[in-house]
Protein backbone atom coordinates (compact mmCIF):
# COMPACT_ATOMS: atom_id res chain seq x y z
CA MET A 1 -84.79 59.73 38.09
CA PHE A 2 -83.32 61.52 41.07
CA LEU A 3 -80.79 58.69 41.71
CA ILE A 4 -79.55 58.46 38.13
CA ARG A 5 -78.33 62.04 37.70
CA PRO A 6 -75.50 61.98 40.27
CA VAL A 7 -74.15 58.78 38.77
CA SER A 8 -74.20 60.28 35.28
CA THR A 9 -72.35 63.30 36.54
CA VAL A 10 -69.63 61.16 38.07
CA VAL A 11 -69.25 59.11 34.91
CA ALA A 12 -69.05 62.24 32.80
CA PHE A 13 -66.47 63.74 35.11
CA ALA A 14 -64.35 60.54 35.03
CA PHE A 15 -64.59 60.40 31.25
CA CYS A 16 -63.40 64.02 30.92
CA VAL A 17 -60.46 63.39 33.23
CA SER A 18 -59.51 60.34 31.18
CA CYS A 19 -59.69 62.31 27.93
CA SER A 20 -57.57 65.05 29.42
CA ALA A 21 -54.91 62.59 30.49
CA LEU A 22 -54.95 60.95 27.07
CA SER A 23 -54.63 64.36 25.41
CA ASP A 24 -51.64 65.17 27.59
CA ARG A 25 -49.93 61.95 26.62
CA LEU A 26 -50.56 62.46 22.91
CA ASN A 27 -49.42 66.09 22.77
CA TYR A 28 -46.63 66.19 25.32
CA PRO A 29 -43.97 63.47 25.53
CA GLU A 30 -43.22 62.25 29.00
CA GLU A 31 -39.81 63.08 30.37
CA ASN A 32 -38.86 59.42 30.98
CA SER A 33 -39.96 58.04 27.52
CA SER A 34 -36.37 57.99 26.14
CA GLU A 35 -35.21 56.07 29.17
CA GLU A 36 -37.92 53.45 28.64
CA THR A 37 -36.96 53.11 24.96
CA ALA A 38 -33.35 52.56 25.90
CA LEU A 39 -34.38 49.95 28.44
CA ASP A 40 -36.48 48.15 25.79
CA ALA A 41 -33.53 48.08 23.36
CA GLY A 42 -31.22 46.81 26.04
CA GLU A 43 -33.68 44.07 26.88
CA THR A 44 -33.77 43.03 23.17
CA ASP A 45 -29.98 42.87 23.01
CA ARG A 46 -29.86 40.81 26.17
CA HIS A 47 -32.46 38.47 24.70
CA ALA A 48 -30.38 38.05 21.53
CA GLU A 49 -27.28 37.38 23.59
CA THR A 50 -29.17 34.82 25.63
CA MET A 51 -30.33 33.06 22.45
CA GLU A 52 -26.80 33.17 21.05
CA ALA A 53 -25.40 31.72 24.27
CA GLU A 54 -27.80 28.80 24.13
CA PRO A 55 -26.50 25.69 22.27
CA LEU A 56 -27.68 25.73 18.67
CA SER A 57 -28.54 22.58 16.74
CA TRP A 58 -26.67 21.67 13.56
CA ASN A 59 -29.77 22.68 11.62
CA ASP A 60 -29.82 26.15 13.23
CA LEU A 61 -26.11 26.54 12.53
CA THR A 62 -26.48 25.65 8.85
CA ARG A 63 -29.41 28.07 8.55
CA LEU A 64 -27.29 30.86 10.01
CA ALA A 65 -24.39 29.86 7.76
CA ARG A 66 -26.59 30.23 4.68
CA GLN A 67 -27.60 33.69 5.83
CA HIS A 68 -23.95 34.65 6.37
CA VAL A 69 -23.15 33.51 2.82
CA ARG A 70 -25.99 35.65 1.46
CA ASP A 71 -24.58 38.57 3.44
CA GLY A 72 -21.09 37.96 2.08
CA GLN A 73 -19.73 36.96 5.51
CA LEU A 74 -17.92 33.81 4.42
CA ASP A 75 -15.69 33.69 7.50
CA ARG A 76 -18.74 33.68 9.78
CA ALA A 77 -20.33 31.01 7.61
CA GLU A 78 -17.24 28.83 7.99
CA GLU A 79 -17.38 29.21 11.78
CA ARG A 80 -21.03 28.12 11.86
CA LEU A 81 -20.44 25.14 9.61
CA ASN A 82 -17.37 24.06 11.58
CA GLN A 83 -19.55 24.04 14.70
CA ALA A 84 -22.22 22.05 12.89
CA ALA A 85 -19.58 19.58 11.64
CA ILE A 86 -18.48 18.89 15.21
CA GLN A 87 -22.06 18.06 16.18
CA VAL A 88 -22.55 15.52 13.37
CA ALA A 89 -19.02 14.08 13.35
CA ASP A 90 -20.00 10.90 15.21
CA LEU A 91 -22.87 10.07 12.85
CA SER A 92 -22.41 7.51 10.08
CA ALA A 93 -21.00 8.69 6.76
CA THR A 94 -24.33 7.98 5.08
CA ASN A 95 -26.34 10.00 7.60
CA VAL A 96 -28.30 12.78 5.92
CA SER A 97 -27.36 15.39 8.53
CA ARG A 98 -23.66 14.71 8.23
CA ARG A 99 -23.76 14.63 4.43
CA THR A 100 -25.71 17.91 4.37
CA VAL A 101 -23.17 19.71 6.55
CA PHE A 102 -20.31 18.23 4.53
CA GLY A 103 -21.85 19.36 1.24
CA LEU A 104 -22.37 22.89 2.53
CA ARG A 105 -18.73 23.08 3.65
CA ALA A 106 -17.57 21.83 0.24
CA ARG A 107 -19.61 24.48 -1.56
CA LEU A 108 -18.32 27.11 0.86
CA ALA A 109 -14.72 26.12 0.07
CA ILE A 110 -15.43 26.77 -3.61
CA GLN A 111 -17.00 30.16 -2.81
CA ILE A 112 -14.07 31.17 -0.60
CA ALA A 113 -11.65 30.31 -3.41
CA GLU A 114 -13.73 32.33 -5.85
CA SER A 115 -13.52 35.29 -3.47
CA GLY A 116 -9.71 35.15 -3.72
CA GLU A 117 -8.95 33.72 -0.27
CA LEU A 118 -7.09 30.72 -1.69
CA GLU A 119 -5.12 29.87 1.44
CA VAL A 120 -8.26 29.76 3.59
CA ALA A 121 -10.09 27.80 0.89
CA ASP A 122 -7.30 25.25 0.62
CA GLN A 123 -7.20 24.70 4.37
CA LEU A 124 -10.91 23.93 4.41
CA ALA A 125 -10.68 21.82 1.25
CA ASP A 126 -7.84 19.71 2.64
CA GLN A 127 -9.88 19.04 5.80
CA LEU A 128 -12.75 17.83 3.64
CA PHE A 129 -10.48 15.67 1.46
CA ALA A 130 -9.04 13.99 4.55
CA GLU A 131 -12.52 13.26 5.86
CA ALA A 132 -13.66 11.93 2.50
CA ALA A 133 -10.59 9.71 2.25
CA GLU A 134 -11.58 8.05 5.52
CA SER A 135 -15.31 7.98 4.77
CA PRO A 136 -15.95 8.10 0.98
CA GLU A 137 -19.74 7.84 1.46
CA VAL A 138 -19.90 11.26 3.13
CA GLY A 139 -19.18 13.11 -0.10
CA GLY A 140 -21.56 14.16 -2.83
CA SER A 141 -21.68 16.24 -5.98
CA ALA A 142 -20.26 19.25 -4.13
CA LEU A 143 -17.16 17.27 -3.16
CA VAL A 144 -16.67 16.12 -6.76
CA SER A 145 -16.81 19.73 -7.96
CA LEU A 146 -14.45 20.84 -5.19
CA ALA A 147 -11.87 18.11 -5.83
CA VAL A 148 -11.80 18.75 -9.58
CA ALA A 149 -11.62 22.53 -9.10
CA VAL A 150 -8.73 22.27 -6.62
CA ALA A 151 -6.91 19.76 -8.83
CA ASP A 152 -7.22 22.08 -11.83
CA ARG A 153 -6.05 25.11 -9.86
CA ARG A 154 -3.06 23.34 -8.33
CA GLU A 155 -2.08 21.78 -11.65
CA THR A 156 -2.15 25.18 -13.34
CA LYS A 157 -0.08 26.69 -10.55
CA ALA A 158 2.48 23.87 -10.80
CA ARG A 159 2.74 24.26 -14.58
CA GLU A 160 3.27 27.99 -14.27
CA ALA A 161 6.08 27.26 -11.80
CA GLY A 162 7.63 24.81 -14.26
CA ASP A 163 6.80 21.76 -12.14
CA LEU A 164 5.52 19.24 -14.67
CA GLN A 165 5.78 16.34 -12.23
CA ALA A 166 3.28 17.64 -9.66
CA SER A 167 0.55 15.06 -9.18
CA GLN A 168 -3.13 15.76 -8.57
CA LEU A 169 -4.03 12.10 -8.91
CA GLU A 170 -5.17 11.69 -5.31
CA LEU A 171 -7.70 14.50 -5.67
CA LEU A 172 -8.98 13.02 -8.92
CA ARG A 173 -9.25 9.62 -7.22
CA ILE A 174 -11.40 11.15 -4.47
CA ALA A 175 -13.59 12.83 -7.08
CA LEU A 176 -14.13 9.60 -9.01
CA MET A 177 -14.75 7.41 -5.97
CA THR A 178 -17.33 9.94 -4.79
CA ALA A 179 -18.95 10.17 -8.22
CA LYS A 180 -19.19 6.38 -8.45
CA ALA A 181 -21.78 6.46 -5.67
CA GLY A 182 -23.95 8.78 -7.77
CA SER A 183 -25.95 8.26 -10.93
CA ILE A 184 -24.76 7.69 -14.48
CA SER A 185 -23.97 10.90 -16.36
CA ARG A 186 -21.79 12.32 -19.11
CA ASP A 187 -19.85 14.28 -16.49
CA ARG A 188 -18.97 11.10 -14.61
CA MET A 189 -17.95 9.40 -17.84
CA GLU A 190 -15.61 12.28 -18.73
CA LEU A 191 -14.20 12.34 -15.21
CA ALA A 192 -13.48 8.60 -15.36
CA VAL A 193 -11.57 9.00 -18.62
CA ARG A 194 -9.55 11.89 -17.20
CA VAL A 195 -8.68 9.95 -14.05
CA SER A 196 -7.68 6.90 -16.08
CA ALA A 197 -5.39 8.96 -18.33
CA ALA A 198 -3.72 10.61 -15.33
CA ALA A 199 -3.33 7.28 -13.55
CA LEU A 200 -1.80 5.69 -16.66
CA ARG A 201 0.75 8.49 -16.92
CA GLU A 202 1.71 7.94 -13.28
CA ASN A 203 1.73 4.15 -13.69
CA ASP A 204 -1.12 3.55 -11.24
CA LEU A 205 -2.46 0.79 -13.43
CA ALA A 206 -5.10 -0.48 -11.02
CA LEU A 207 -6.74 2.95 -10.82
CA ALA A 208 -6.33 3.47 -14.57
CA ARG A 209 -8.14 0.21 -15.29
CA MET A 210 -10.91 0.78 -12.76
CA ALA A 211 -11.52 4.28 -14.10
CA ILE A 212 -11.67 3.34 -17.79
CA ASP A 213 -13.92 0.39 -16.99
CA GLN A 214 -16.26 2.85 -15.25
CA GLY A 215 -16.04 5.21 -18.20
CA LEU A 216 -17.01 2.48 -20.63
CA LEU A 217 -19.95 1.39 -18.47
CA ASP A 218 -21.25 4.96 -18.40
CA ALA A 219 -20.61 5.47 -22.12
CA GLU A 220 -22.73 2.46 -22.98
CA GLN A 221 -25.65 4.27 -21.36
CA VAL A 222 -24.83 7.87 -22.26
CA VAL A 223 -23.35 7.73 -25.78
CA PRO A 224 -23.98 4.17 -27.04
CA THR A 225 -24.33 5.21 -30.69
CA ASN A 226 -21.33 7.55 -30.79
CA LYS A 227 -18.84 5.21 -32.45
CA GLY A 228 -16.02 7.73 -32.38
CA LYS A 229 -16.35 8.21 -28.62
CA MET A 230 -16.74 4.51 -27.93
CA ALA A 231 -13.70 3.75 -30.09
CA GLY A 232 -11.61 6.27 -28.18
CA LEU A 233 -12.52 4.63 -24.89
CA GLN A 234 -11.73 1.18 -26.26
CA LEU A 235 -8.32 2.41 -27.43
CA HIS A 236 -7.59 3.79 -24.00
CA LEU A 237 -8.58 0.47 -22.45
CA ALA A 238 -6.21 -1.23 -24.90
CA ARG A 239 -3.32 0.98 -23.75
CA VAL A 240 -4.04 0.31 -20.09
CA ALA A 241 -4.44 -3.43 -20.61
CA ARG A 242 -1.21 -3.56 -22.61
CA LYS A 243 0.71 -2.01 -19.73
CA GLN A 244 -0.90 -4.54 -17.42
CA ARG A 245 0.26 -7.24 -19.86
CA ASP A 246 -3.35 -8.26 -20.33
CA PHE A 247 -2.73 -8.78 -24.04
CA GLU A 248 -6.02 -10.57 -24.69
CA THR A 249 -8.05 -7.55 -23.56
CA ALA A 250 -5.61 -5.15 -25.21
CA GLU A 251 -5.85 -6.85 -28.61
CA SER A 252 -9.62 -7.31 -28.57
CA SER A 253 -10.21 -3.70 -27.51
CA ALA A 254 -7.81 -2.33 -30.16
CA LYS A 255 -9.41 -4.41 -32.91
CA LEU A 256 -12.91 -3.35 -31.82
CA ALA A 257 -11.84 0.29 -31.83
CA ASN A 258 -10.40 0.02 -35.34
CA ARG A 259 -13.65 -1.54 -36.62
CA MET A 260 -15.69 1.25 -35.03
CA LEU A 261 -13.48 3.91 -36.61
CA ASP A 262 -13.80 2.27 -40.02
CA GLU A 263 -17.59 2.28 -39.67
CA ALA A 264 -17.57 5.90 -38.51
CA ASP A 265 -15.24 6.92 -41.36
CA ALA A 266 -12.95 8.63 -38.84
CA ASP A 267 -10.22 11.07 -39.83
CA ALA A 268 -6.71 9.96 -40.81
CA SER A 269 -5.13 11.05 -37.52
CA THR A 270 -7.48 9.00 -35.37
CA ARG A 271 -7.34 5.92 -37.56
CA GLY A 272 -3.57 6.09 -37.86
CA MET A 273 -3.11 6.21 -34.07
CA ALA A 274 -5.57 3.33 -33.59
CA GLU A 275 -3.61 1.21 -36.08
CA ALA A 276 -0.35 2.15 -34.38
CA ILE A 277 -1.64 0.94 -31.01
CA LEU A 278 -2.82 -2.37 -32.49
CA ALA A 279 0.54 -2.86 -34.24
CA GLU A 280 2.45 -2.44 -30.97
CA ILE A 281 0.15 -4.88 -29.15
CA LEU A 282 0.60 -7.52 -31.85
CA ALA A 283 4.39 -7.02 -31.78
CA ASP A 284 4.35 -7.58 -28.01
CA GLN A 285 2.83 -10.99 -28.65
CA GLY A 286 5.32 -11.91 -31.37
CA ASP A 287 3.09 -11.45 -34.44
CA LEU A 288 5.72 -9.24 -36.07
CA GLU A 289 4.70 -9.75 -39.68
CA THR A 290 1.12 -8.56 -39.09
CA ALA A 291 2.33 -5.80 -36.78
CA LEU A 292 4.79 -4.46 -39.37
CA ALA A 293 2.13 -4.48 -42.10
CA ILE A 294 -0.31 -2.54 -39.91
CA ALA A 295 2.35 -0.06 -38.75
CA SER A 296 3.47 0.54 -42.33
CA GLY A 297 -0.13 1.13 -43.38
CA ALA A 298 -0.54 3.66 -40.57
CA ASN A 299 2.66 5.40 -41.68
CA ALA A 300 1.28 5.70 -45.19
CA ARG A 301 -1.57 7.84 -43.81
CA ILE A 302 0.87 10.63 -42.97
CA GLY A 303 0.74 11.69 -46.64
CA ASP A 304 -3.06 11.55 -46.64
CA GLU A 305 -4.90 14.49 -48.20
CA GLN A 306 -6.77 15.08 -44.95
CA GLY A 307 -3.51 15.63 -43.16
CA VAL A 308 -2.35 14.04 -39.92
CA SER A 309 -1.80 15.97 -36.70
CA ASP A 310 1.71 16.34 -35.29
CA HIS A 311 0.95 14.16 -32.27
CA ALA A 312 -0.59 11.47 -34.48
CA GLN A 313 2.48 11.50 -36.76
CA ARG A 314 4.75 11.07 -33.75
CA ARG A 315 2.61 8.24 -32.41
CA ILE A 316 2.60 6.43 -35.78
CA LEU A 317 6.35 6.79 -36.32
CA ALA A 318 7.01 5.62 -32.75
CA ALA A 319 4.94 2.47 -33.30
CA LEU A 320 6.69 1.74 -36.60
CA ALA A 321 10.12 2.18 -34.97
CA ARG A 322 9.21 -0.13 -32.09
CA VAL A 323 7.91 -2.85 -34.38
CA GLU A 324 11.03 -2.54 -36.55
CA ARG A 325 13.28 -2.81 -33.53
CA SER A 326 11.42 -5.94 -32.39
CA SER A 327 11.91 -7.31 -35.92
CA GLY A 328 15.66 -6.66 -35.79
CA GLU A 329 15.56 -3.74 -38.23
CA THR A 330 17.52 -1.43 -35.91
CA ALA A 331 18.75 1.00 -38.58
CA ALA A 332 15.22 1.65 -39.85
CA ALA A 333 13.98 1.91 -36.27
CA ARG A 334 16.54 4.59 -35.46
CA ILE A 335 15.62 6.61 -38.53
CA HIS A 336 11.94 6.58 -37.62
CA LEU A 337 12.69 7.52 -34.02
CA GLU A 338 14.68 10.51 -35.19
CA GLN A 339 11.85 11.51 -37.54
CA ALA A 340 9.35 11.24 -34.70
CA LEU A 341 11.43 13.48 -32.46
CA ALA A 342 11.95 16.04 -35.23
CA ILE A 343 8.22 16.84 -35.27
CA PRO A 344 7.34 20.01 -33.27
CA GLY A 345 6.10 19.27 -29.77
CA VAL A 346 2.48 19.68 -28.75
CA ASP A 347 1.63 21.20 -25.38
CA GLN A 348 -0.38 18.30 -24.03
CA PRO A 349 0.54 15.65 -21.45
CA ALA A 350 0.30 12.70 -23.86
CA ASP A 351 2.71 14.28 -26.35
CA ILE A 352 5.15 15.43 -23.68
CA GLU A 353 5.22 11.92 -22.24
CA LEU A 354 5.72 10.36 -25.69
CA ILE A 355 8.64 12.67 -26.45
CA ASP A 356 10.30 11.65 -23.16
CA GLU A 357 9.82 7.96 -24.01
CA LEU A 358 11.24 8.31 -27.52
CA THR A 359 14.21 10.33 -26.29
CA ARG A 360 15.11 7.51 -23.90
CA GLU A 361 14.62 4.90 -26.63
CA LEU A 362 16.86 6.79 -29.06
CA ARG A 363 19.51 7.08 -26.36
CA GLU A 364 19.30 3.31 -25.82
CA HIS A 365 19.76 2.79 -29.56
CA ALA A 366 22.86 4.99 -29.50
CA ASP A 367 24.28 3.19 -26.45
CA ARG A 368 23.62 -0.20 -28.02
CA GLY A 369 25.27 0.89 -31.26
CA SER A 370 28.34 2.13 -29.39
CA SER A 371 28.63 -1.15 -27.50
CA GLU A 372 28.29 -3.19 -30.69
CA GLY A 373 30.87 -0.98 -32.44
CA ALA A 374 33.34 -1.37 -29.60
CA ALA A 375 32.83 -5.12 -29.56
CA TRP A 376 33.37 -5.33 -33.35
CA ALA A 377 36.55 -3.20 -33.16
CA SER A 378 38.05 -5.36 -30.41
CA SER A 379 37.23 -8.70 -32.06
CA PRO A 380 40.13 -10.60 -33.80
CA GLU A 381 40.11 -10.61 -37.60
């Protein structure tokens, strides 16, 4: 018992000293505490800088880019994704990493454009289009959306500037070639039809045919029972094939379209234009009697109770005039050309193009008539 007491006294004394020190620390801040806090913060900053200085993987860069986008820092996001793109540039176009980075950059280009930075967005978009042109497999749905959005924006800008000849066909080609690698959808079908129409206007017949063939393949899966839609696609194929001088395909497609429209009980405008196309195709092959009968029947629809749209009237009268000219009825052909051109214009590419064609044809009629008149006047009696 005698030995235990001194030890207990020492322990008690030590415990009291410890409590006193603890109480001092709790109630009275040490003079150097702010310095230690500053040192801790500096150490954190240095650690962040060290991490930043270390090479980041493409995956880390894309993660940071996503965060920058969420924070509204699109310029920082572009920097990160450009760094990531450099890292994956040597991978194959089908590599998941490369396609992921490419898709993020395409979506970022759309977001930058939406923010109003069109020049920056276009620079990034053009880089992506060039890469996709070299390696079509690298693109995906984001590239399709980007190409279509840029084409629409540039087309609108050109129209507002009065430039009706500006072509966005290359962007639409990129969009379609990228979409072809994807799955069947209504969007891809509509894109194919749009590309084919644009290519036909610009006389890129190979692209026009490839696109409408793709559109028909998709339509057979997406809208197989929609006779009106299927007929419209067949008529477009007929127009493309006619320009390619593939008259067998042109005639069969036009006849199929007319049967579908009869079964669907289509409106007078649609049926009249379908008959006009068939009449022109038959005239090209020399079946003038049948062609004239069909064209005349289409012309009779213009007085239909349902009414016929201005563009449809112009298309019908143009076909009738062309068949008449092929049949040697030049006076009647000229009258119908003049009637077609007298109809008010419609603000759509197909009608604008048709008006240009008919204006040239009427001028040719006038030139031919002047030449024939001069020759008749100079001939001996």
